[in-house]
Amino acid sequence: MHPLVYQIREALRGYYPESEAASLAKLLLAEVFGFSTIELYGGKDKGFSEKEQKLLTDIIARLRKNEPIQYIIGRESFCGLTFEVNPHVLIPRPETQELVAWIVEDYRLEKECRVLDIGTGSGCIPVALAHSLEGAEVEAWDISEEALQVARRNAERNHVRVNFRRQDVFEAVPGESRYDVLVSNPPYITEQEKEDMEANVLDWEPSIALFVPDSEPLRYYQTIASLGFEMLKEGGSLYVEINRAYGQQTVQLLEKVGYNKVELRKDLFGNDRMIKAIK
């Protein structure tokens, strides 16, 4: 193993579990400093310039403050694509990949379909869908202009076309457009759940994209469901990522709005995590 792996791991001792510190060290050296696998595991010393050493010192200081490695590197992988991430957007999660995979599985054979993503953040959902669904016309909304700027760059870097628009979902009025697919991964973590969360999420990721009041845990789903019922074509599908604690309540909400064939699926960790409903 390269000596720098041990040096970084030692610098992070007490801040991260040992196995995580070792993973972070290898990731940093590969992604930021361009180490090859042979250089990482061969142990042969690779000279570090003064500038590189200063950069490494700065990065270690940021890691000690619990800043997510994805923000430090400035990117994250999602559905086989690379996305720019910064503190204006959530870091894409593996569970959300499963939501995208569900839509792709259902619509990959369609020659054309219109898709709307509500609360797009980094743009990971609409960009991945535009990349996987050849005939898709994709639109995406977010309330944050800073997030939309990141999302636009992500569409560009992945060579897909997505129509991004600044829109507060609570002020949205259904227009003439009708969609085959409406998808959303809205804020769904209640304030009371904060105490169980890691500092690297709480201190760094945008709270506007994470939290809902304890008194209204399903506020986004109520609005999105009602909006979707107006904006979806007959037979169109609504897909949402959900809070695992509110699976059945969200199903009941969608059925009450008038959706059919409401299906609740678990994620790879065995938690209730996503719902599909048909208009």
C-alpha atoms as a PDB file:
ATOM      1  CA  MET A   1       0.000   0.000   0.000  1.00  0.00           C
ATOM      2  CA  HIS A   2       1.249   3.518  -0.764  1.00  0.00           C
ATOM      3  CA  PRO A   3       2.658   5.322   2.329  1.00  0.00           C
ATOM      4  CA  LEU A   4       0.222   8.217   1.805  1.00  0.00           C
ATOM      5  CA  VAL A   5      -2.742   5.880   2.433  1.00  0.00           C
ATOM      6  CA  TYR A   6      -1.364   5.222   5.928  1.00  0.00           C
ATOM      7  CA  GLN A   7      -0.576   8.930   6.413  1.00  0.00           C
ATOM      8  CA  ILE A   8      -4.152   9.999   5.568  1.00  0.00           C
ATOM      9  CA  ARG A   9      -5.679   7.178   7.602  1.00  0.00           C
ATOM     10  CA  GLU A  10      -3.600   8.266  10.606  1.00  0.00           C
ATOM     11  CA  ALA A  11      -4.651  11.920  10.111  1.00  0.00           C
ATOM     12  CA  LEU A  12      -8.310  10.846  10.216  1.00  0.00           C
ATOM     13  CA  ARG A  13      -7.963   8.587  13.257  1.00  0.00           C
ATOM     14  CA  GLY A  14     -10.649   9.443  15.802  1.00  0.00           C
ATOM     15  CA  TYR A  15     -12.742  11.209  13.174  1.00  0.00           C
ATOM     16  CA  TYR A  16     -13.792   8.169  11.112  1.00  0.00           C
ATOM     17  CA  PRO A  17     -13.818   4.399  11.684  1.00  0.00           C
ATOM     18  CA  GLU A  18     -10.534   2.886  10.468  1.00  0.00           C
ATOM     19  CA  SER A  19     -12.033   1.072   7.467  1.00  0.00           C
ATOM     20  CA  GLU A  20     -13.839   4.237   6.318  1.00  0.00           C
ATOM     21  CA  ALA A  21     -10.664   6.323   6.748  1.00  0.00           C
ATOM     22  CA  ALA A  22      -8.759   3.823   4.567  1.00  0.00           C
ATOM     23  CA  SER A  23     -11.486   3.975   1.889  1.00  0.00           C
ATOM     24  CA  LEU A  24     -11.440   7.784   1.963  1.00  0.00           C
ATOM     25  CA  ALA A  25      -7.645   7.801   1.625  1.00  0.00           C
ATOM     26  CA  LYS A  26      -7.713   5.562  -1.461  1.00  0.00           C
ATOM     27  CA  LEU A  27     -10.601   7.500  -3.008  1.00  0.00           C
ATOM     28  CA  LEU A  28      -8.834  10.837  -2.495  1.00  0.00           C
ATOM     29  CA  LEU A  29      -5.556   9.675  -3.953  1.00  0.00           C
ATOM     30  CA  ALA A  30      -7.286   8.174  -6.984  1.00  0.00           C
ATOM     31  CA  GLU A  31      -9.855  10.898  -7.682  1.00  0.00           C
ATOM     32  CA  VAL A  32      -8.014  14.081  -6.673  1.00  0.00           C
ATOM     33  CA  PHE A  33      -4.372  13.180  -7.216  1.00  0.00           C
ATOM     34  CA  GLY A  34      -4.729  10.737 -10.100  1.00  0.00           C
ATOM     35  CA  PHE A  35      -3.110   7.695  -8.494  1.00  0.00           C
ATOM     36  CA  SER A  36      -3.490   4.509 -10.534  1.00  0.00           C
ATOM     37  CA  THR A  37      -4.408   1.197  -8.854  1.00  0.00           C
ATOM     38  CA  ILE A  38      -0.798   0.040  -9.263  1.00  0.00           C
ATOM     39  CA  GLU A  39       0.514   3.215  -7.590  1.00  0.00           C
ATOM     40  CA  LEU A  40      -1.990   2.856  -4.743  1.00  0.00           C
ATOM     41  CA  TYR A  41      -1.279  -0.773  -3.974  1.00  0.00           C
ATOM     42  CA  GLY A  42       2.303  -1.056  -5.148  1.00  0.00           C
ATOM     43  CA  GLY A  43       3.615   0.977  -2.260  1.00  0.00           C
ATOM     44  CA  LYS A  44       6.211   2.714  -4.426  1.00  0.00           C
ATOM     45  CA  ASP A  45       6.576   6.288  -3.222  1.00  0.00           C
ATOM     46  CA  LYS A  46       5.256   8.858  -5.652  1.00  0.00           C
ATOM     47  CA  GLY A  47       6.673  12.327  -5.130  1.00  0.00           C
ATOM     48  CA  PHE A  48       4.225  14.963  -3.889  1.00  0.00           C
ATOM     49  CA  SER A  49       4.798  18.606  -4.805  1.00  0.00           C
ATOM     50  CA  GLU A  50       4.452  21.341  -2.192  1.00  0.00           C
ATOM     51  CA  LYS A  51       1.196  22.426  -3.859  1.00  0.00           C
ATOM     52  CA  GLU A  52      -0.202  18.880  -3.716  1.00  0.00           C
ATOM     53  CA  GLN A  53       0.813  18.513  -0.074  1.00  0.00           C
ATOM     54  CA  LYS A  54      -0.995  21.761   0.791  1.00  0.00           C
ATOM     55  CA  LEU A  55      -4.108  20.572  -1.069  1.00  0.00           C
ATOM     56  CA  LEU A  56      -4.031  17.279   0.843  1.00  0.00           C
ATOM     57  CA  THR A  57      -3.695  19.132   4.174  1.00  0.00           C
ATOM     58  CA  ASP A  58      -6.715  21.311   3.267  1.00  0.00           C
ATOM     59  CA  ILE A  59      -8.786  18.273   2.283  1.00  0.00           C
ATOM     60  CA  ILE A  60      -7.975  16.462   5.546  1.00  0.00           C
ATOM     61  CA  ALA A  61      -9.079  19.566   7.472  1.00  0.00           C
ATOM     62  CA  ARG A  62     -12.383  19.548   5.544  1.00  0.00           C
ATOM     63  CA  LEU A  63     -12.914  15.842   6.200  1.00  0.00           C
ATOM     64  CA  ARG A  64     -12.326  16.427   9.907  1.00  0.00           C
ATOM     65  CA  LYS A  65     -15.248  18.896   9.794  1.00  0.00           C
ATOM     66  CA  ASN A  66     -17.449  16.092   8.374  1.00  0.00           C
ATOM     67  CA  GLU A  67     -17.685  17.634   4.912  1.00  0.00           C
ATOM     68  CA  PRO A  68     -18.871  14.877   2.547  1.00  0.00           C
ATOM     69  CA  ILE A  69     -16.149  13.481   0.319  1.00  0.00           C
ATOM     70  CA  GLN A  70     -18.470  13.980  -2.684  1.00  0.00           C
ATOM     71  CA  TYR A  71     -18.496  17.762  -2.127  1.00  0.00           C
ATOM     72  CA  ILE A  72     -14.725  17.807  -1.706  1.00  0.00           C
ATOM     73  CA  ILE A  73     -14.180  15.861  -4.932  1.00  0.00           C
ATOM     74  CA  GLY A  74     -17.074  17.742  -6.546  1.00  0.00           C
ATOM     75  CA  ARG A  75     -18.817  14.770  -8.111  1.00  0.00           C
ATOM     76  CA  GLU A  76     -20.725  11.555  -7.540  1.00  0.00           C
ATOM     77  CA  SER A  77     -21.692   8.566  -9.689  1.00  0.00           C
ATOM     78  CA  PHE A  78     -25.369   7.809 -10.288  1.00  0.00           C
ATOM     79  CA  CYS A  79     -26.865   5.274 -12.713  1.00  0.00           C
ATOM     80  CA  GLY A  80     -23.486   4.868 -14.401  1.00  0.00           C
ATOM     81  CA  LEU A  81     -23.152   8.616 -15.051  1.00  0.00           C
ATOM     82  CA  THR A  82     -21.051  11.270 -13.304  1.00  0.00           C
ATOM     83  CA  PHE A  83     -22.756  14.241 -11.656  1.00  0.00           C
ATOM     84  CA  GLU A  84     -21.347  17.476 -10.304  1.00  0.00           C
ATOM     85  CA  VAL A  85     -22.403  18.013  -6.686  1.00  0.00           C
ATOM     86  CA  ASN A  86     -21.920  20.913  -4.271  1.00  0.00           C
ATOM     87  CA  PRO A  87     -23.658  22.116  -1.088  1.00  0.00           C
ATOM     88  CA  HIS A  88     -26.548  23.569  -3.149  1.00  0.00           C
ATOM     89  CA  VAL A  89     -27.749  20.033  -4.025  1.00  0.00           C
ATOM     90  CA  LEU A  90     -28.256  16.719  -2.284  1.00  0.00           C
ATOM     91  CA  ILE A  91     -25.746  13.974  -2.981  1.00  0.00           C
ATOM     92  CA  PRO A  92     -27.529  11.327  -5.126  1.00  0.00           C
ATOM     93  CA  ARG A  93     -28.313   8.154  -3.176  1.00  0.00           C
ATOM     94  CA  PRO A  94     -28.326   4.476  -4.234  1.00  0.00           C
ATOM     95  CA  GLU A  95     -32.030   4.173  -3.329  1.00  0.00           C
ATOM     96  CA  THR A  96     -32.911   6.858  -5.874  1.00  0.00           C
ATOM     97  CA  GLN A  97     -31.155   4.805  -8.552  1.00  0.00           C
ATOM     98  CA  GLU A  98     -33.747   2.106  -7.845  1.00  0.00           C
ATOM     99  CA  LEU A  99     -36.547   4.593  -8.478  1.00  0.00           C
ATOM    100  CA  VAL A 100     -34.977   5.535 -11.833  1.00  0.00           C
ATOM    101  CA  ALA A 101     -34.509   1.847 -12.696  1.00  0.00           C
ATOM    102  CA  TRP A 102     -38.229   1.216 -12.038  1.00  0.00           C
ATOM    103  CA  ILE A 103     -39.228   3.953 -14.502  1.00  0.00           C
ATOM    104  CA  VAL A 104     -36.734   2.748 -17.113  1.00  0.00           C
ATOM    105  CA  GLU A 105     -38.019  -0.814 -16.725  1.00  0.00           C
ATOM    106  CA  ASP A 106     -41.596   0.402 -17.358  1.00  0.00           C
ATOM    107  CA  TYR A 107     -40.909   2.831 -20.218  1.00  0.00           C
ATOM    108  CA  ARG A 108     -37.781   1.614 -22.069  1.00  0.00           C
ATOM    109  CA  LEU A 109     -39.813   0.207 -24.960  1.00  0.00           C
ATOM    110  CA  GLU A 110     -41.941   3.339 -25.415  1.00  0.00           C
ATOM    111  CA  LYS A 111     -41.088   5.240 -28.600  1.00  0.00           C
ATOM    112  CA  GLU A 112     -41.930   8.522 -26.882  1.00  0.00           C
ATOM    113  CA  CYS A 113     -42.947   9.708 -23.450  1.00  0.00           C
ATOM    114  CA  ARG A 114     -43.117  12.990 -21.576  1.00  0.00           C
ATOM    115  CA  VAL A 115     -41.520  13.100 -18.146  1.00  0.00           C
ATOM    116  CA  LEU A 116     -41.644  15.729 -15.382  1.00  0.00           C
ATOM    117  CA  ASP A 117     -39.343  15.605 -12.324  1.00  0.00           C
ATOM    118  CA  ILE A 118     -40.373  17.790  -9.378  1.00  0.00           C
ATOM    119  CA  GLY A 119     -37.606  18.981  -7.014  1.00  0.00           C
ATOM    120  CA  THR A 120     -34.723  18.009  -9.252  1.00  0.00           C
ATOM    121  CA  GLY A 121     -31.690  19.094  -7.185  1.00  0.00           C
ATOM    122  CA  SER A 122     -28.566  17.951  -9.041  1.00  0.00           C
ATOM    123  CA  GLY A 123     -30.736  16.803 -11.944  1.00  0.00           C
ATOM    124  CA  CYS A 124     -29.713  13.177 -11.364  1.00  0.00           C
ATOM    125  CA  ILE A 125     -33.223  11.744 -11.977  1.00  0.00           C
ATOM    126  CA  PRO A 126     -34.144  13.589 -15.211  1.00  0.00           C
ATOM    127  CA  VAL A 127     -30.620  13.347 -16.660  1.00  0.00           C
ATOM    128  CA  ALA A 128     -30.462   9.587 -15.992  1.00  0.00           C
ATOM    129  CA  LEU A 129     -33.945   9.147 -17.517  1.00  0.00           C
ATOM    130  CA  ALA A 130     -33.105  11.249 -20.574  1.00  0.00           C
ATOM    131  CA  HIS A 131     -29.971   9.142 -21.010  1.00  0.00           C
ATOM    132  CA  SER A 132     -31.781   5.782 -20.670  1.00  0.00           C
ATOM    133  CA  LEU A 133     -35.091   6.528 -22.410  1.00  0.00           C
ATOM    134  CA  GLU A 134     -34.334   7.338 -26.029  1.00  0.00           C
ATOM    135  CA  GLY A 135     -37.727   8.774 -26.897  1.00  0.00           C
ATOM    136  CA  ALA A 136     -38.258  10.752 -23.690  1.00  0.00           C
ATOM    137  CA  GLU A 137     -38.964  14.480 -23.572  1.00  0.00           C
ATOM    138  CA  VAL A 138     -37.866  15.457 -20.071  1.00  0.00           C
ATOM    139  CA  GLU A 139     -38.696  18.494 -17.941  1.00  0.00           C
ATOM    140  CA  ALA A 140     -37.565  19.248 -14.386  1.00  0.00           C
ATOM    141  CA  TRP A 141     -38.478  21.801 -11.713  1.00  0.00           C
ATOM    142  CA  ASP A 142     -36.734  23.144  -8.636  1.00  0.00           C
ATOM    143  CA  ILE A 143     -37.292  26.135  -6.366  1.00  0.00           C
ATOM    144  CA  SER A 144     -33.531  26.791  -6.063  1.00  0.00           C
ATOM    145  CA  GLU A 145     -31.794  28.683  -8.857  1.00  0.00           C
ATOM    146  CA  GLU A 146     -28.408  27.499  -7.521  1.00  0.00           C
ATOM    147  CA  ALA A 147     -29.560  23.875  -7.775  1.00  0.00           C
ATOM    148  CA  LEU A 148     -30.858  24.464 -11.301  1.00  0.00           C
ATOM    149  CA  GLN A 149     -27.469  25.808 -12.376  1.00  0.00           C
ATOM    150  CA  VAL A 150     -25.837  22.572 -11.177  1.00  0.00           C
ATOM    151  CA  ALA A 151     -28.555  20.491 -12.881  1.00  0.00           C
ATOM    152  CA  ARG A 152     -28.071  22.301 -16.208  1.00  0.00           C
ATOM    153  CA  ARG A 153     -24.328  21.624 -16.089  1.00  0.00           C
ATOM    154  CA  ASN A 154     -25.044  17.959 -15.336  1.00  0.00           C
ATOM    155  CA  ALA A 155     -27.322  17.643 -18.366  1.00  0.00           C
ATOM    156  CA  GLU A 156     -24.598  19.216 -20.485  1.00  0.00           C
ATOM    157  CA  ARG A 157     -21.783  17.023 -19.155  1.00  0.00           C
ATOM    158  CA  ASN A 158     -23.887  13.899 -19.803  1.00  0.00           C
ATOM    159  CA  HIS A 159     -24.949  15.067 -23.291  1.00  0.00           C
ATOM    160  CA  VAL A 160     -28.716  15.001 -22.752  1.00  0.00           C
ATOM    161  CA  ARG A 161     -31.465  17.553 -23.189  1.00  0.00           C
ATOM    162  CA  VAL A 162     -33.641  18.436 -20.190  1.00  0.00           C
ATOM    163  CA  ASN A 163     -35.880  21.483 -19.928  1.00  0.00           C
ATOM    164  CA  PHE A 164     -35.185  22.939 -16.465  1.00  0.00           C
ATOM    165  CA  ARG A 165     -37.516  25.465 -14.863  1.00  0.00           C
ATOM    166  CA  ARG A 166     -37.574  27.365 -11.599  1.00  0.00           C
ATOM    167  CA  GLN A 167     -40.877  26.504  -9.951  1.00  0.00           C
ATOM    168  CA  ASP A 168     -42.230  26.314  -6.406  1.00  0.00           C
ATOM    169  CA  VAL A 169     -44.431  23.202  -6.415  1.00  0.00           C
ATOM    170  CA  PHE A 170     -46.821  24.812  -3.900  1.00  0.00           C
ATOM    171  CA  GLU A 171     -47.494  27.631  -6.366  1.00  0.00           C
ATOM    172  CA  ALA A 172     -47.655  25.482  -9.505  1.00  0.00           C
ATOM    173  CA  VAL A 173     -50.753  25.715 -11.676  1.00  0.00           C
ATOM    174  CA  PRO A 174     -51.466  22.861 -14.125  1.00  0.00           C
ATOM    175  CA  GLY A 175     -51.060  24.096 -17.684  1.00  0.00           C
ATOM    176  CA  GLU A 176     -51.955  22.521 -20.995  1.00  0.00           C
ATOM    177  CA  SER A 177     -49.023  20.074 -20.872  1.00  0.00           C
ATOM    178  CA  ARG A 178     -49.812  16.450 -20.119  1.00  0.00           C
ATOM    179  CA  TYR A 179     -47.190  13.941 -18.986  1.00  0.00           C
ATOM    180  CA  ASP A 180     -46.793  10.175 -19.174  1.00  0.00           C
ATOM    181  CA  VAL A 181     -44.546  10.133 -16.104  1.00  0.00           C
ATOM    182  CA  LEU A 182     -44.365  12.389 -13.085  1.00  0.00           C
ATOM    183  CA  VAL A 183     -41.507  11.609 -10.675  1.00  0.00           C
ATOM    184  CA  SER A 184     -40.349  13.201  -7.445  1.00  0.00           C
ATOM    185  CA  ASN A 185     -37.929  12.651  -4.595  1.00  0.00           C
ATOM    186  CA  PRO A 186     -39.205  15.487  -2.396  1.00  0.00           C
ATOM    187  CA  PRO A 187     -38.126  16.529   1.116  1.00  0.00           C
ATOM    188  CA  TYR A 188     -39.482  13.877   3.493  1.00  0.00           C
ATOM    189  CA  ILE A 189     -37.351  13.747   6.655  1.00  0.00           C
ATOM    190  CA  THR A 190     -39.232  15.058   9.701  1.00  0.00           C
ATOM    191  CA  GLU A 191     -37.587  17.478  12.131  1.00  0.00           C
ATOM    192  CA  GLN A 192     -37.726  14.872  14.919  1.00  0.00           C
ATOM    193  CA  GLU A 193     -35.619  12.493  12.817  1.00  0.00           C
ATOM    194  CA  LYS A 194     -32.695  14.945  12.813  1.00  0.00           C
ATOM    195  CA  GLU A 195     -31.227  13.513  16.022  1.00  0.00           C
ATOM    196  CA  ASP A 196     -30.575  10.169  14.294  1.00  0.00           C
ATOM    197  CA  MET A 197     -28.765  11.716  11.334  1.00  0.00           C
ATOM    198  CA  GLU A 198     -25.050  11.898  10.613  1.00  0.00           C
ATOM    199  CA  ALA A 199     -23.249  15.253  10.902  1.00  0.00           C
ATOM    200  CA  ASN A 200     -22.010  15.051   7.296  1.00  0.00           C
ATOM    201  CA  VAL A 201     -25.648  15.246   6.156  1.00  0.00           C
ATOM    202  CA  LEU A 202     -27.012  17.656   8.776  1.00  0.00           C
ATOM    203  CA  ASP A 203     -24.169  20.179   8.599  1.00  0.00           C
ATOM    204  CA  TRP A 204     -23.561  20.163   4.861  1.00  0.00           C
ATOM    205  CA  GLU A 205     -26.477  19.077   2.672  1.00  0.00           C
ATOM    206  CA  PRO A 206     -29.230  21.634   1.891  1.00  0.00           C
ATOM    207  CA  SER A 207     -31.948  21.463   4.546  1.00  0.00           C
ATOM    208  CA  ILE A 208     -34.545  22.831   2.097  1.00  0.00           C
ATOM    209  CA  ALA A 209     -34.174  19.557   0.162  1.00  0.00           C
ATOM    210  CA  LEU A 210     -34.333  17.326   3.232  1.00  0.00           C
ATOM    211  CA  PHE A 211     -36.802  18.381   5.897  1.00  0.00           C
ATOM    212  CA  VAL A 212     -40.536  18.717   6.477  1.00  0.00           C
ATOM    213  CA  PRO A 213     -42.341  19.832   9.641  1.00  0.00           C
ATOM    214  CA  ASP A 214     -43.315  17.086  12.115  1.00  0.00           C
ATOM    215  CA  SER A 215     -46.909  18.332  11.838  1.00  0.00           C
ATOM    216  CA  GLU A 216     -47.001  17.887   8.030  1.00  0.00           C
ATOM    217  CA  PRO A 217     -44.811  14.912   7.065  1.00  0.00           C
ATOM    218  CA  LEU A 218     -46.700  14.315   3.795  1.00  0.00           C
ATOM    219  CA  ARG A 219     -47.192  17.912   2.687  1.00  0.00           C
ATOM    220  CA  TYR A 220     -45.197  17.484  -0.538  1.00  0.00           C
ATOM    221  CA  TYR A 221     -46.948  14.237  -1.443  1.00  0.00           C
ATOM    222  CA  GLN A 222     -50.385  15.790  -1.052  1.00  0.00           C
ATOM    223  CA  THR A 223     -49.464  18.652  -3.383  1.00  0.00           C
ATOM    224  CA  ILE A 224     -47.592  16.487  -5.906  1.00  0.00           C
ATOM    225  CA  ALA A 225     -50.380  13.895  -5.971  1.00  0.00           C
ATOM    226  CA  SER A 226     -53.067  16.510  -6.626  1.00  0.00           C
ATOM    227  CA  LEU A 227     -50.939  18.271  -9.231  1.00  0.00           C
ATOM    228  CA  GLY A 228     -50.088  14.963 -10.868  1.00  0.00           C
ATOM    229  CA  PHE A 229     -53.720  14.000 -11.127  1.00  0.00           C
ATOM    230  CA  GLU A 230     -54.280  17.156 -13.174  1.00  0.00           C
ATOM    231  CA  MET A 231     -51.093  16.933 -15.240  1.00  0.00           C
ATOM    232  CA  LEU A 232     -50.775  13.223 -16.016  1.00  0.00           C
ATOM    233  CA  LYS A 233     -52.350  11.682 -19.077  1.00  0.00           C
ATOM    234  CA  GLU A 234     -54.981   9.010 -18.479  1.00  0.00           C
ATOM    235  CA  GLY A 235     -52.985   5.868 -17.653  1.00  0.00           C
ATOM    236  CA  GLY A 236     -49.922   7.965 -16.758  1.00  0.00           C
ATOM    237  CA  SER A 237     -47.704   7.003 -13.825  1.00  0.00           C
ATOM    238  CA  LEU A 238     -46.634   8.847 -10.682  1.00  0.00           C
ATOM    239  CA  TYR A 239     -43.385   7.641  -9.050  1.00  0.00           C
ATOM    240  CA  VAL A 240     -42.200   8.978  -5.691  1.00  0.00           C
ATOM    241  CA  GLU A 241     -39.425   8.251  -3.222  1.00  0.00           C
ATOM    242  CA  ILE A 242     -40.774   8.238   0.322  1.00  0.00           C
ATOM    243  CA  ASN A 243     -39.938   8.276   4.021  1.00  0.00           C
ATOM    244  CA  ARG A 244     -39.833   4.625   5.091  1.00  0.00           C
ATOM    245  CA  ALA A 245     -41.889   5.452   8.202  1.00  0.00           C
ATOM    246  CA  TYR A 246     -44.850   6.691   6.124  1.00  0.00           C
ATOM    247  CA  GLY A 247     -45.247   3.991   3.470  1.00  0.00           C
ATOM    248  CA  GLN A 248     -48.838   2.987   4.180  1.00  0.00           C
ATOM    249  CA  GLN A 249     -49.956   6.565   4.885  1.00  0.00           C
ATOM    250  CA  THR A 250     -48.551   7.688   1.525  1.00  0.00           C
ATOM    251  CA  VAL A 251     -50.283   4.796  -0.252  1.00  0.00           C
ATOM    252  CA  GLN A 252     -53.591   5.768   1.393  1.00  0.00           C
ATOM    253  CA  LEU A 253     -53.092   9.422   0.450  1.00  0.00           C
ATOM    254  CA  LEU A 254     -52.605   8.506  -3.221  1.00  0.00           C
ATOM    255  CA  GLU A 255     -55.635   6.210  -3.239  1.00  0.00           C
ATOM    256  CA  LYS A 256     -57.726   8.969  -1.662  1.00  0.00           C
ATOM    257  CA  VAL A 257     -56.680  11.410  -4.416  1.00  0.00           C
ATOM    258  CA  GLY A 258     -57.964   8.829  -6.917  1.00  0.00           C
ATOM    259  CA  TYR A 259     -54.926   6.890  -8.158  1.00  0.00           C
ATOM    260  CA  ASN A 260     -55.183   3.190  -9.023  1.00  0.00           C
ATOM    261  CA  LYS A 261     -52.770   0.256  -8.747  1.00  0.00           C
ATOM    262  CA  VAL A 262     -50.754   1.959  -6.017  1.00  0.00           C
ATOM    263  CA  GLU A 263     -47.628  -0.163  -5.490  1.00  0.00           C
ATOM    264  CA  LEU A 264     -45.197   0.216  -2.586  1.00  0.00           C
ATOM    265  CA  ARG A 265     -41.657  -1.156  -3.052  1.00  0.00           C
ATOM    266  CA  LYS A 266     -38.775  -1.670  -0.648  1.00  0.00           C
ATOM    267  CA  ASP A 267     -35.223  -0.463  -1.368  1.00  0.00           C
ATOM    268  CA  LEU A 268     -32.047  -2.556  -1.378  1.00  0.00           C
ATOM    269  CA  PHE A 269     -31.851  -2.122   2.420  1.00  0.00           C
ATOM    270  CA  GLY A 270     -35.333  -3.590   2.921  1.00  0.00           C
ATOM    271  CA  ASN A 271     -37.051  -0.288   3.768  1.00  0.00           C
ATOM    272  CA  ASP A 272     -40.338   0.965   2.252  1.00  0.00           C
ATOM    273  CA  ARG A 273     -38.886   3.524  -0.148  1.00  0.00           C
ATOM    274  CA  MET A 274     -40.806   4.096  -3.400  1.00  0.00           C
ATOM    275  CA  ILE A 275     -44.322   4.129  -4.738  1.00  0.00           C
ATOM    276  CA  LYS A 276     -45.839   3.915  -8.197  1.00  0.00           C
ATOM    277  CA  ALA A 277     -49.430   4.969  -8.810  1.00  0.00           C
ATOM    278  CA  ILE A 278     -51.516   5.065 -11.991  1.00  0.00           C
ATOM    279  CA  LYS A 279     -53.969   7.776 -12.968  1.00  0.00           C
END
